[in-house]
Amino acid sequence: MDTQNYDGANTAGMDVIERLQSAITMVEEARSVPLSASCVVHRGELLEVLDYAKVALPQDLATAQEIMVSRELILEEARVTADSLIAHAREEVARMVEQTEIVSAARTEASRILAEVQEQARVEREEIETYIDSRLATLEVILNKTLDVVQRGREKLAGVDDKNILAELAD
C-alpha cells in the first residue's frame, strides 16, 4: 500500500468516515506476518488516522445534538407560524362574516388556509426528521466501523500474546 502523508494540507476535506475507512484499508492491505493472522501496519500512520477520527468524532456528535436541538426549534417555529396563520385566517373569516354574501367563501378560504398550513408543517417535519435520521445513520456507521476496528485490533493483540507463550514453551 502506498503511504500517504496524513497532514491537514492533504486531507483537510476528509471527514471522519473517510479517515476510518482509510484506517480499515491500511489494516486490510497491510503485509501479513508469515504463518500468522497478524499483519504489519505503520503504527504512526494508523495512529494519526485514528487520532483524527477520535478528535473529529465528538465534533460530529455535537453537530448531531445541535441538529436535534435545532429540529425542535424549527418545529416550534413552524407551530408558531401555523398558529399565526390560523389566527390570521380567523380574523379574515370574522371580517367576511360581516358581509353575509361572502360567508361561504370565507369558510372555504379559512379551511384551505388551515389545510395548507397543516400540510406545510407536516412536510417540514418530515424533511427535518429525514435529515436528522440521515445524520444519525452516518454517525451510527462511524461508530460501528470504529468498534469493528477496535475489536479486530484487540483480537489481533490477543493472538500475538498466544504465539509468544507458545514460543516460550518451545524454548
Protein backbone atom coordinates (compact mmCIF):
# COMPACT_ATOMS: atom_id res chain seq x y z
CA MET A 1 0.00 0.00 0.00
CA ASP A 2 1.29 3.45 -0.83
CA THR A 3 1.73 5.51 2.28
CA GLN A 4 0.23 8.94 2.34
CA ASN A 5 1.13 11.92 4.42
CA TYR A 6 -1.87 12.49 6.68
CA ASP A 7 -1.31 16.16 7.38
CA GLY A 8 -4.02 18.79 7.22
CA ALA A 9 -2.97 20.04 3.78
CA ASN A 10 -3.60 16.76 2.01
CA THR A 11 -6.70 15.73 3.91
CA ALA A 12 -8.38 18.94 5.05
CA GLY A 13 -11.66 17.91 3.40
CA MET A 14 -11.52 14.27 4.54
CA ASP A 15 -14.23 13.55 7.10
CA VAL A 16 -14.31 11.01 9.92
CA ILE A 17 -15.85 8.24 7.83
CA GLU A 18 -13.14 8.60 5.20
CA ARG A 19 -10.43 8.55 7.90
CA LEU A 20 -11.88 5.44 9.48
CA GLN A 21 -12.19 3.80 6.06
CA SER A 22 -8.57 4.73 5.45
CA ALA A 23 -7.55 3.02 8.71
CA ILE A 24 -9.55 -0.07 7.80
CA THR A 25 -7.92 -0.12 4.36
CA MET A 26 -4.47 0.23 5.96
CA VAL A 27 -5.12 -2.83 8.11
CA GLU A 28 -6.73 -4.81 5.27
CA GLU A 29 -3.88 -4.07 2.86
CA ALA A 30 -1.05 -4.45 5.39
CA ARG A 31 1.61 -7.09 4.82
CA SER A 32 0.81 -10.33 6.59
CA VAL A 33 3.20 -11.87 9.10
CA PRO A 34 4.06 -15.34 7.74
CA LEU A 35 2.25 -18.23 9.43
CA SER A 36 0.13 -15.81 11.41
CA ALA A 37 -3.14 -13.87 11.32
CA SER A 38 -1.17 -10.76 12.24
CA CYS A 39 -0.08 -8.00 9.91
CA VAL A 40 2.49 -5.22 9.79
CA VAL A 41 0.98 -1.74 9.90
CA HIS A 42 2.87 1.52 10.10
CA ARG A 43 2.00 2.50 13.66
CA GLY A 44 2.50 6.24 13.19
CA GLU A 45 0.26 6.45 10.13
CA LEU A 46 -2.52 4.38 11.67
CA LEU A 47 -2.37 6.29 14.95
CA GLU A 48 -2.50 9.58 13.09
CA VAL A 49 -5.62 8.50 11.17
CA LEU A 50 -7.30 7.17 14.32
CA ASP A 51 -6.33 10.28 16.33
CA TYR A 52 -8.00 12.46 13.72
CA ALA A 53 -11.14 10.32 13.91
CA LYS A 54 -11.04 10.44 17.72
CA VAL A 55 -10.87 14.24 17.66
CA ALA A 56 -13.47 14.73 14.94
CA LEU A 57 -16.00 12.22 16.29
CA PRO A 58 -17.03 14.35 19.30
CA GLN A 59 -17.49 17.24 16.89
CA ASP A 60 -19.83 15.11 14.77
CA LEU A 61 -21.71 14.07 17.91
CA ALA A 62 -22.01 17.71 18.95
CA THR A 63 -23.27 18.56 15.48
CA ALA A 64 -25.87 15.80 15.72
CA GLN A 65 -27.00 17.15 19.10
CA GLU A 66 -27.21 20.65 17.65
CA ILE A 67 -29.35 19.29 14.83
CA MET A 68 -31.66 17.66 17.35
CA VAL A 69 -31.98 20.96 19.24
CA SER A 70 -32.49 22.94 16.04
CA ARG A 71 -35.11 20.41 14.92
CA GLU A 72 -37.16 21.25 17.99
CA LEU A 73 -36.69 24.96 17.39
CA ILE A 74 -37.73 24.61 13.75
CA LEU A 75 -40.79 22.58 14.73
CA GLU A 76 -41.70 25.19 17.34
CA GLU A 77 -41.23 27.93 14.77
CA ALA A 78 -43.48 26.01 12.38
CA ARG A 79 -46.10 25.70 15.13
CA VAL A 80 -45.91 29.42 15.85
CA THR A 81 -46.17 30.18 12.14
CA ALA A 82 -49.12 27.82 11.83
CA ASP A 83 -50.81 29.42 14.84
CA SER A 84 -50.18 32.85 13.37
CA LEU A 85 -51.60 31.81 10.01
CA ILE A 86 -54.61 30.24 11.70
CA ALA A 87 -55.19 33.40 13.76
CA HIS A 88 -54.91 35.44 10.60
CA ALA A 89 -57.38 33.14 8.86
CA ARG A 90 -59.83 33.52 11.76
CA GLU A 91 -59.58 37.28 11.56
CA GLU A 92 -60.28 37.10 7.85
CA VAL A 93 -63.27 34.87 8.48
CA ALA A 94 -64.62 37.26 11.13
CA ARG A 95 -64.40 40.18 8.69
CA MET A 96 -66.11 38.18 5.99
CA VAL A 97 -68.93 37.13 8.32
CA GLU A 98 -69.94 40.78 8.46
CA GLN A 99 -70.64 40.58 4.78
CA THR A 100 -73.33 37.90 4.50
CA GLU A 101 -72.87 37.40 0.78
CA ILE A 102 -69.33 36.04 1.22
CA VAL A 103 -69.70 33.99 4.41
CA SER A 104 -69.47 30.76 2.42
CA ALA A 105 -66.34 31.93 0.61
CA ALA A 106 -64.74 32.91 3.92
CA ARG A 107 -65.29 29.47 5.40
CA THR A 108 -63.87 27.81 2.32
CA GLU A 109 -60.81 30.05 2.34
CA ALA A 110 -60.23 29.51 6.07
CA SER A 111 -60.39 25.75 5.59
CA ARG A 112 -57.98 25.95 2.66
CA ILE A 113 -55.50 28.06 4.63
CA LEU A 114 -55.72 25.74 7.60
CA ALA A 115 -55.18 22.67 5.42
CA GLU A 116 -52.29 24.39 3.63
CA VAL A 117 -50.60 25.30 6.91
CA GLN A 118 -51.07 21.81 8.29
CA GLU A 119 -49.65 20.29 5.11
CA GLN A 120 -46.70 22.68 5.14
CA ALA A 121 -45.98 21.84 8.79
CA ARG A 122 -46.22 18.12 8.01
CA VAL A 123 -43.85 18.41 5.04
CA GLU A 124 -41.33 20.44 7.05
CA ARG A 125 -41.49 17.97 9.93
CA GLU A 126 -40.85 15.04 7.55
CA GLU A 127 -37.91 16.84 5.92
CA ILE A 128 -36.36 17.61 9.30
CA GLU A 129 -36.84 14.08 10.55
CA THR A 130 -35.36 12.66 7.33
CA TYR A 131 -32.31 14.92 7.63
CA ILE A 132 -31.78 14.06 11.30
CA ASP A 133 -32.23 10.35 10.56
CA SER A 134 -29.59 10.51 7.81
CA ARG A 135 -27.09 12.26 10.12
CA LEU A 136 -27.75 9.75 12.89
CA ALA A 137 -27.35 6.88 10.39
CA THR A 138 -24.00 8.32 9.33
CA LEU A 139 -22.97 8.59 12.97
CA GLU A 140 -24.09 5.00 13.54
CA VAL A 141 -21.91 3.82 10.64
CA ILE A 142 -18.93 5.72 12.04
CA LEU A 143 -19.39 4.24 15.48
CA ASN A 144 -19.86 0.70 14.13
CA LYS A 145 -16.75 0.92 11.98
CA THR A 146 -14.74 2.31 14.88
CA LEU A 147 -15.97 -0.51 17.12
CA ASP A 148 -15.07 -3.10 14.45
CA VAL A 149 -11.55 -1.67 14.10
CA VAL A 150 -11.03 -1.66 17.87
CA GLN A 151 -12.38 -5.19 18.22
CA ARG A 152 -10.18 -6.53 15.42
CA GLY A 153 -7.19 -4.79 16.98
CA ARG A 154 -7.87 -6.37 20.34
CA GLU A 155 -8.33 -9.77 18.74
CA LYS A 156 -5.04 -9.42 16.90
CA LEU A 157 -3.30 -8.38 20.10
CA ALA A 158 -4.73 -11.41 21.86
CA GLY A 159 -3.48 -13.64 19.02
CA VAL A 160 0.06 -12.20 19.29
CA ASP A 161 0.25 -12.94 23.03
CA ASP A 162 -0.78 -16.58 22.49
CA LYS A 163 2.02 -17.05 19.94
CA ASN A 164 4.61 -15.57 22.31
CA ILE A 165 3.56 -18.04 25.03
CA LEU A 166 3.83 -20.96 22.57
CA ALA A 167 7.31 -19.79 21.54
CA GLU A 168 8.42 -19.63 25.19
CA LEU A 169 7.08 -23.16 25.81
CA ALA A 170 9.09 -24.46 22.86
CA ASP A 171 12.28 -22.98 24.39
